[in-house]
Protein backbone atom coordinates (compact mmCIF):
# COMPACT_ATOMS: atom_id res chain seq x y z
CA MET A 1 17.17 1.53 -21.41
CA ALA A 2 16.43 3.92 -18.79
CA GLU A 3 17.06 3.67 -15.95
CA ILE A 4 14.26 3.74 -13.00
CA GLU A 5 15.33 6.13 -9.81
CA LEU A 6 14.63 4.46 -6.46
CA SER A 7 14.80 6.20 -3.52
CA ARG A 8 16.53 4.85 -0.32
CA GLY A 9 15.20 4.74 3.12
CA HIS A 10 14.82 3.30 6.25
CA VAL A 11 12.45 2.29 8.71
CA VAL A 12 11.41 4.65 11.78
CA GLN A 13 9.44 3.43 13.62
CA CYS A 14 7.13 -0.10 14.43
CA GLU A 15 5.78 1.12 17.30
CA ARG A 16 2.86 3.50 16.83
CA PRO A 17 0.58 1.95 13.83
CA ASP A 18 -1.18 4.70 11.44
CA TRP A 19 -4.12 3.69 10.37
CA GLU A 20 -4.79 6.77 8.02
CA PRO A 21 -3.32 6.29 4.83
CA LEU A 22 -4.62 3.39 4.37
CA GLY A 23 -8.04 4.47 5.36
CA ARG A 24 -8.27 6.54 3.55
CA VAL A 25 -6.79 4.66 -0.08
CA LEU A 26 -8.68 1.56 0.80
CA GLY A 27 -11.83 2.80 2.98
CA HIS A 28 -12.15 0.56 6.33
CA ASP A 29 -13.91 -2.90 5.92
CA LEU A 30 -10.80 -3.53 3.15
CA ALA A 31 -8.40 -2.13 6.55
CA GLY A 32 -9.31 -5.59 8.07
CA TRP A 33 -7.39 -7.39 5.71
CA PHE A 34 -4.27 -6.05 6.87
CA MET A 35 -1.17 -5.59 9.64
CA TRP A 36 0.52 -2.33 10.06
CA MET A 37 4.43 -3.17 10.03
CA PHE A 38 6.74 -0.27 10.37
CA GLU A 39 7.07 3.00 9.15
CA VAL A 40 9.93 3.88 6.40
CA GLU A 41 11.73 7.55 5.90
CA LEU A 42 13.15 8.33 2.76
CA VAL A 43 15.92 10.19 2.02
CA ASP A 44 13.45 13.00 1.49
CA GLU A 45 12.07 13.55 4.32
CA THR A 46 8.24 11.27 2.59
CA ARG A 47 7.10 9.31 5.21
CA LEU A 48 5.61 5.71 3.81
CA HIS A 49 3.30 2.81 6.00
CA ALA A 50 4.10 -0.76 5.19
CA TYR A 51 0.97 -2.89 5.32
CA LYS A 52 1.09 -6.27 5.16
CA HIS A 53 -2.06 -8.01 3.26
CA SER A 54 -3.09 -10.61 5.63
CA THR A 55 -3.94 -13.57 3.09
CA THR A 56 -1.50 -11.83 -0.25
CA ARG A 57 1.55 -11.72 2.37
CA ARG A 58 2.62 -8.54 0.34
CA TYR A 59 3.22 -5.17 1.12
CA LEU A 60 0.96 -1.88 0.16
CA HIS A 61 3.52 1.52 1.30
CA LEU A 62 1.37 4.70 1.84
CA ASP A 63 2.63 8.05 2.33
CA THR A 64 0.86 10.42 3.88
CA THR A 65 -1.27 11.69 1.53
CA GLY A 66 -2.20 8.30 -0.19
CA ARG A 67 0.71 7.80 -2.51
CA ALA A 68 1.87 4.59 -3.36
CA PHE A 69 5.52 3.08 -3.89
CA HIS A 70 6.83 -0.32 -5.23
CA TYR A 71 9.85 -1.60 -2.39
CA ASP A 72 12.89 -2.78 -5.11
CA GLU A 73 14.12 -5.29 -4.01
CA SER A 74 17.52 -3.42 -4.03
CA GLY A 75 16.18 -1.61 -1.06
CA GLY A 76 14.97 0.99 -3.17
CA TYR A 77 11.29 2.93 -3.23
CA GLN A 78 9.89 3.74 -6.33
CA GLU A 79 6.54 5.76 -6.61
CA VAL A 80 3.99 4.20 -8.47
CA ALA A 81 -0.24 4.64 -9.75
CA THR A 82 -1.86 3.92 -6.64
CA PRO A 83 -4.68 1.96 -8.68
CA ILE A 84 -1.66 -0.62 -9.24
CA ALA A 85 -0.60 -0.86 -6.24
CA ILE A 86 -3.91 -2.11 -5.18
CA ALA A 87 -4.64 -4.05 -7.11
CA ARG A 88 -1.12 -6.10 -6.82
CA VAL A 89 -1.55 -5.76 -2.99
CA PHE A 90 -4.75 -8.37 -3.40
CA VAL A 91 -3.33 -10.69 -6.20
CA GLY A 92 -4.11 -14.45 -4.79
CA TRP A 93 -6.47 -13.12 -1.85
CA GLU A 94 -9.62 -14.91 -3.53
CA HIS A 95 -7.98 -17.84 -1.65
CA SER A 96 -9.16 -16.88 0.99
CA SER A 97 -13.12 -16.56 0.22
CA PRO A 98 -13.23 -12.70 0.66
CA THR A 99 -17.25 -11.86 0.46
CA ASP A 100 -18.94 -9.87 -2.47
CA GLU A 101 -19.48 -7.15 -0.01
CA ASP A 102 -15.61 -7.10 -0.15
CA ALA A 103 -15.31 -7.37 -3.81
CA ALA A 104 -17.51 -4.72 -4.11
CA ALA A 105 -15.03 -2.40 -1.67
CA LEU A 106 -11.98 -3.56 -3.11
CA ARG A 107 -13.66 -2.45 -6.99
CA ALA A 108 -15.10 1.09 -5.74
CA ALA A 109 -10.86 1.18 -3.83
CA ILE A 110 -9.98 1.18 -7.30
CA ARG A 111 -12.36 3.44 -8.82
CA ARG A 112 -11.76 5.75 -6.49
CA ALA A 113 -8.00 5.95 -7.05
CA ARG A 114 -8.66 6.01 -10.99
CA ALA A 115 -10.16 9.12 -10.32
CA ALA A 116 -7.90 10.72 -8.12
CA ALA A 117 -5.52 10.55 -10.53
C-alpha cells in the first residue's frame, strides 16, 4: 500500500481571523456556522486557516485560494478535494435544525466546489 505524504505545519497566529477563504468557498451565509480558530503555515510556506463548525465541531482547513486540507492526528496535513471536505465538516449539522435556505446554500457550495475542481 502506498504511503500517504503529509505536510507538517505549525500555528503561526491565532489573533487575526481571515474569513475570506471561507466566504469564497462556502458563501457568507454558511460562514456564520463557523468559528475561525487559527492560522497554520506548512513547511512549503502554504498558509491554512482553521475554521471550526459551531455544531459539528469539525474543522475545515482552507488555504487562501480555497484548497482544502485534512489534518491527520499524526500531526500532518494532506490536500483533499474541496467538495469532500465541505461535505465532511457538515456531517451531523442537521441536529441543529438548519433552515431550508441553509441546506440549499450548502448544496450550492458543494456544486460550486465541484465545478471549480
